[in-house]
N, C-alpha and C. Protein backbone atom coordinates (compact mmCIF):
# COMPACT_ATOMS: atom_id res chain seq x y z
N MET A 1 1.29 -8.99 -46.88
CA MET A 1 1.74 -9.43 -45.57
C MET A 1 1.15 -8.51 -44.51
N ALA A 2 0.58 -9.10 -43.50
CA ALA A 2 -0.05 -8.34 -42.43
C ALA A 2 1.00 -7.71 -41.53
N PRO A 3 0.73 -6.51 -41.02
CA PRO A 3 1.69 -5.90 -40.08
C PRO A 3 1.74 -6.71 -38.79
N PRO A 4 2.86 -6.64 -38.08
CA PRO A 4 2.96 -7.38 -36.82
C PRO A 4 1.99 -6.82 -35.79
N PRO A 5 1.57 -7.65 -34.86
CA PRO A 5 0.68 -7.15 -33.80
C PRO A 5 1.36 -6.00 -33.06
N ARG A 6 0.56 -5.07 -32.60
CA ARG A 6 1.09 -3.89 -31.92
C ARG A 6 1.92 -4.26 -30.69
N TYR A 7 1.51 -5.26 -29.96
CA TYR A 7 2.21 -5.67 -28.75
C TYR A 7 2.79 -7.07 -28.93
N ALA A 8 3.50 -7.26 -30.02
CA ALA A 8 4.03 -8.58 -30.35
C ALA A 8 4.92 -9.13 -29.25
N ALA A 9 5.73 -8.28 -28.64
CA ALA A 9 6.64 -8.76 -27.59
C ALA A 9 5.86 -9.32 -26.40
N ALA A 10 4.71 -8.75 -26.12
CA ALA A 10 3.92 -9.23 -25.00
C ALA A 10 3.38 -10.63 -25.24
N ALA A 11 3.30 -11.04 -26.51
CA ALA A 11 2.80 -12.37 -26.83
C ALA A 11 3.90 -13.42 -26.73
N GLU A 12 5.13 -13.01 -26.65
CA GLU A 12 6.26 -13.93 -26.58
C GLU A 12 6.60 -14.24 -25.12
N PRO A 13 7.01 -15.46 -24.85
CA PRO A 13 7.41 -15.78 -23.47
C PRO A 13 8.71 -15.08 -23.12
N GLY A 14 8.82 -14.65 -21.91
CA GLY A 14 10.06 -14.05 -21.44
C GLY A 14 11.06 -15.14 -21.10
N PRO A 15 12.25 -14.75 -20.73
CA PRO A 15 13.24 -15.75 -20.35
C PRO A 15 12.83 -16.45 -19.05
N THR A 16 13.32 -17.64 -18.89
CA THR A 16 13.10 -18.35 -17.63
C THR A 16 13.90 -17.64 -16.55
N ASP A 17 13.59 -17.89 -15.31
CA ASP A 17 14.32 -17.23 -14.22
C ASP A 17 15.81 -17.56 -14.24
N GLY A 18 16.17 -18.72 -14.74
CA GLY A 18 17.58 -19.11 -14.77
C GLY A 18 18.38 -18.48 -15.89
N GLU A 19 17.73 -18.08 -16.96
CA GLU A 19 18.47 -17.55 -18.12
C GLU A 19 19.21 -16.25 -17.83
N PRO A 20 18.62 -15.25 -17.20
CA PRO A 20 19.37 -14.02 -16.93
C PRO A 20 20.60 -14.25 -16.05
N ALA A 21 20.55 -15.24 -15.19
CA ALA A 21 21.68 -15.52 -14.30
C ALA A 21 22.93 -15.88 -15.08
N GLY A 22 22.77 -16.37 -16.30
CA GLY A 22 23.91 -16.75 -17.11
C GLY A 22 24.54 -15.60 -17.88
N LEU A 23 23.96 -14.42 -17.81
CA LEU A 23 24.51 -13.29 -18.54
C LEU A 23 25.73 -12.76 -17.80
N GLY A 24 26.81 -12.66 -18.49
CA GLY A 24 28.05 -12.20 -17.85
C GLY A 24 28.37 -10.75 -18.12
N VAL A 25 27.37 -9.97 -18.45
CA VAL A 25 27.60 -8.56 -18.76
C VAL A 25 26.79 -7.68 -17.80
N PRO A 26 27.28 -6.48 -17.51
CA PRO A 26 26.52 -5.55 -16.67
C PRO A 26 25.23 -5.12 -17.39
N ALA A 27 24.23 -4.78 -16.61
CA ALA A 27 22.95 -4.36 -17.18
C ALA A 27 22.36 -3.20 -16.40
N GLY A 28 21.73 -2.30 -17.12
CA GLY A 28 20.92 -1.25 -16.52
C GLY A 28 19.47 -1.61 -16.71
N VAL A 29 18.71 -1.66 -15.64
CA VAL A 29 17.29 -2.00 -15.68
C VAL A 29 16.51 -0.76 -15.28
N VAL A 30 15.44 -0.47 -16.02
CA VAL A 30 14.64 0.73 -15.74
C VAL A 30 13.21 0.33 -15.43
N ALA A 31 12.67 0.90 -14.39
CA ALA A 31 11.26 0.73 -14.03
C ALA A 31 10.55 2.05 -14.23
N LEU A 32 9.32 1.97 -14.71
CA LEU A 32 8.48 3.15 -14.86
C LEU A 32 7.34 3.04 -13.87
N SER A 33 7.35 3.88 -12.85
CA SER A 33 6.26 3.83 -11.89
C SER A 33 4.97 4.23 -12.60
N GLY A 34 3.92 3.51 -12.31
CA GLY A 34 2.63 3.76 -12.93
C GLY A 34 2.43 3.05 -14.25
N ASP A 35 3.38 2.23 -14.68
CA ASP A 35 3.25 1.51 -15.94
C ASP A 35 2.49 0.21 -15.70
N PRO A 36 1.24 0.11 -16.20
CA PRO A 36 0.45 -1.10 -15.94
C PRO A 36 0.91 -2.31 -16.77
N LEU A 37 1.59 -2.08 -17.88
CA LEU A 37 2.04 -3.20 -18.72
C LEU A 37 3.36 -3.79 -18.25
N HIS A 38 4.18 -2.97 -17.65
CA HIS A 38 5.50 -3.41 -17.17
C HIS A 38 5.67 -2.89 -15.75
N PRO A 39 5.04 -3.51 -14.79
CA PRO A 39 5.06 -2.99 -13.42
C PRO A 39 6.47 -2.97 -12.82
N PRO A 40 6.76 -2.00 -11.97
CA PRO A 40 8.07 -1.92 -11.32
C PRO A 40 8.46 -3.20 -10.60
N ALA A 41 7.50 -3.94 -10.10
CA ALA A 41 7.83 -5.21 -9.43
C ALA A 41 8.54 -6.16 -10.39
N GLU A 42 8.16 -6.13 -11.65
CA GLU A 42 8.81 -7.00 -12.64
C GLU A 42 10.24 -6.51 -12.90
N ALA A 43 10.45 -5.22 -12.93
CA ALA A 43 11.81 -4.68 -13.10
C ALA A 43 12.68 -5.07 -11.90
N ARG A 44 12.11 -5.02 -10.71
CA ARG A 44 12.87 -5.44 -9.52
C ARG A 44 13.21 -6.93 -9.60
N ARG A 45 12.28 -7.74 -10.12
CA ARG A 45 12.54 -9.17 -10.28
C ARG A 45 13.67 -9.40 -11.27
N TRP A 46 13.64 -8.68 -12.39
CA TRP A 46 14.72 -8.81 -13.37
C TRP A 46 16.05 -8.39 -12.77
N ARG A 47 16.05 -7.32 -12.02
CA ARG A 47 17.28 -6.86 -11.37
C ARG A 47 17.83 -7.95 -10.46
N ALA A 48 16.97 -8.61 -9.74
CA ALA A 48 17.40 -9.67 -8.82
C ALA A 48 17.93 -10.89 -9.57
N LEU A 49 17.42 -11.14 -10.76
CA LEU A 49 17.84 -12.30 -11.54
C LEU A 49 19.18 -12.09 -12.26
N LEU A 50 19.49 -10.84 -12.57
CA LEU A 50 20.72 -10.53 -13.30
C LEU A 50 21.90 -10.48 -12.33
N PRO A 51 23.02 -11.08 -12.68
CA PRO A 51 24.15 -11.12 -11.74
C PRO A 51 24.78 -9.76 -11.46
N VAL A 52 24.82 -8.88 -12.46
CA VAL A 52 25.41 -7.55 -12.27
C VAL A 52 24.48 -6.53 -12.92
N ALA A 53 23.61 -5.93 -12.10
CA ALA A 53 22.64 -4.98 -12.65
C ALA A 53 22.31 -3.91 -11.62
N VAL A 54 21.95 -2.74 -12.13
CA VAL A 54 21.50 -1.64 -11.29
C VAL A 54 20.15 -1.19 -11.82
N LEU A 55 19.22 -0.96 -10.92
CA LEU A 55 17.86 -0.55 -11.26
C LEU A 55 17.69 0.94 -11.03
N HIS A 56 17.11 1.62 -12.01
CA HIS A 56 16.71 3.01 -11.86
C HIS A 56 15.23 3.10 -12.14
N THR A 57 14.54 3.96 -11.41
CA THR A 57 13.10 4.13 -11.57
C THR A 57 12.81 5.56 -12.01
N THR A 58 11.90 5.70 -12.96
CA THR A 58 11.41 7.00 -13.37
C THR A 58 9.90 6.88 -13.52
N THR A 59 9.25 7.87 -14.08
CA THR A 59 7.79 7.86 -14.17
C THR A 59 7.33 7.91 -15.62
N LEU A 60 6.09 7.51 -15.82
CA LEU A 60 5.50 7.63 -17.15
C LEU A 60 5.41 9.10 -17.56
N ASP A 61 5.13 9.98 -16.61
CA ASP A 61 5.07 11.41 -16.93
C ASP A 61 6.41 11.92 -17.43
N ALA A 62 7.50 11.51 -16.78
CA ALA A 62 8.83 11.93 -17.21
C ALA A 62 9.12 11.39 -18.60
N LEU A 63 8.73 10.16 -18.87
CA LEU A 63 8.94 9.56 -20.19
C LEU A 63 8.14 10.31 -21.25
N GLY A 64 6.91 10.68 -20.92
CA GLY A 64 6.08 11.44 -21.86
C GLY A 64 6.66 12.80 -22.18
N ALA A 65 7.25 13.44 -21.18
CA ALA A 65 7.83 14.76 -21.39
C ALA A 65 9.15 14.69 -22.15
N ASP A 66 9.89 13.61 -21.96
CA ASP A 66 11.20 13.46 -22.60
C ASP A 66 11.49 11.98 -22.76
N PRO A 67 11.18 11.39 -23.92
CA PRO A 67 11.39 9.95 -24.11
C PRO A 67 12.83 9.50 -23.88
N ALA A 68 13.78 10.39 -23.99
CA ALA A 68 15.19 10.01 -23.78
C ALA A 68 15.47 9.68 -22.33
N VAL A 69 14.58 10.00 -21.42
CA VAL A 69 14.79 9.70 -20.00
C VAL A 69 14.96 8.19 -19.80
N LEU A 70 14.29 7.40 -20.60
CA LEU A 70 14.39 5.94 -20.49
C LEU A 70 15.81 5.47 -20.83
N GLY A 71 16.33 5.96 -21.94
CA GLY A 71 17.68 5.58 -22.35
C GLY A 71 18.74 6.07 -21.38
N ARG A 72 18.57 7.30 -20.89
CA ARG A 72 19.54 7.83 -19.92
C ARG A 72 19.56 7.00 -18.65
N ALA A 73 18.39 6.60 -18.18
CA ALA A 73 18.32 5.78 -16.97
C ALA A 73 18.97 4.42 -17.19
N ALA A 74 18.74 3.82 -18.35
CA ALA A 74 19.33 2.52 -18.64
C ALA A 74 20.85 2.61 -18.74
N VAL A 75 21.34 3.65 -19.41
CA VAL A 75 22.80 3.82 -19.55
C VAL A 75 23.43 4.12 -18.19
N LEU A 76 22.79 4.95 -17.38
CA LEU A 76 23.32 5.23 -16.04
C LEU A 76 23.40 3.94 -15.22
N GLY A 77 22.35 3.12 -15.28
CA GLY A 77 22.38 1.84 -14.57
C GLY A 77 23.49 0.95 -15.08
N TRP A 78 23.66 0.91 -16.40
CA TRP A 78 24.73 0.09 -16.99
C TRP A 78 26.10 0.58 -16.54
N LEU A 79 26.30 1.90 -16.54
CA LEU A 79 27.59 2.46 -16.10
C LEU A 79 27.86 2.09 -14.63
N GLN A 80 26.84 2.21 -13.79
CA GLN A 80 27.01 1.88 -12.39
C GLN A 80 27.25 0.39 -12.19
N ALA A 81 26.55 -0.44 -12.96
CA ALA A 81 26.76 -1.88 -12.86
C ALA A 81 28.16 -2.24 -13.36
N SER A 82 28.60 -1.56 -14.41
CA SER A 82 29.97 -1.81 -14.94
C SER A 82 31.03 -1.48 -13.92
N ALA A 83 30.82 -0.43 -13.16
CA ALA A 83 31.79 -0.04 -12.14
C ALA A 83 31.87 -1.08 -11.02
N ARG A 84 30.77 -1.78 -10.79
CA ARG A 84 30.75 -2.82 -9.76
C ARG A 84 31.46 -4.08 -10.23
N GLY A 85 31.48 -4.26 -11.57
CA GLY A 85 32.17 -5.38 -12.19
C GLY A 85 31.54 -6.66 -11.95
């Protein structure tokens, strides 16, 4: 069996614009400035589509120095979105 493509998720279609609107849970969205594969504009678009979400931005350099920065930013956004209800 062949290994999955390295960027398999990129080959899959994302949700339609209407699908995130139906999510009834808070979400933390993270943007990485300087990320050519996942531009911050797309993170802002996702934030706008989600009914209860908070966006945090960090950098690729910060992620390279400490990969946990991504998870911390997402959890912080989720906590803030949860507080908004």
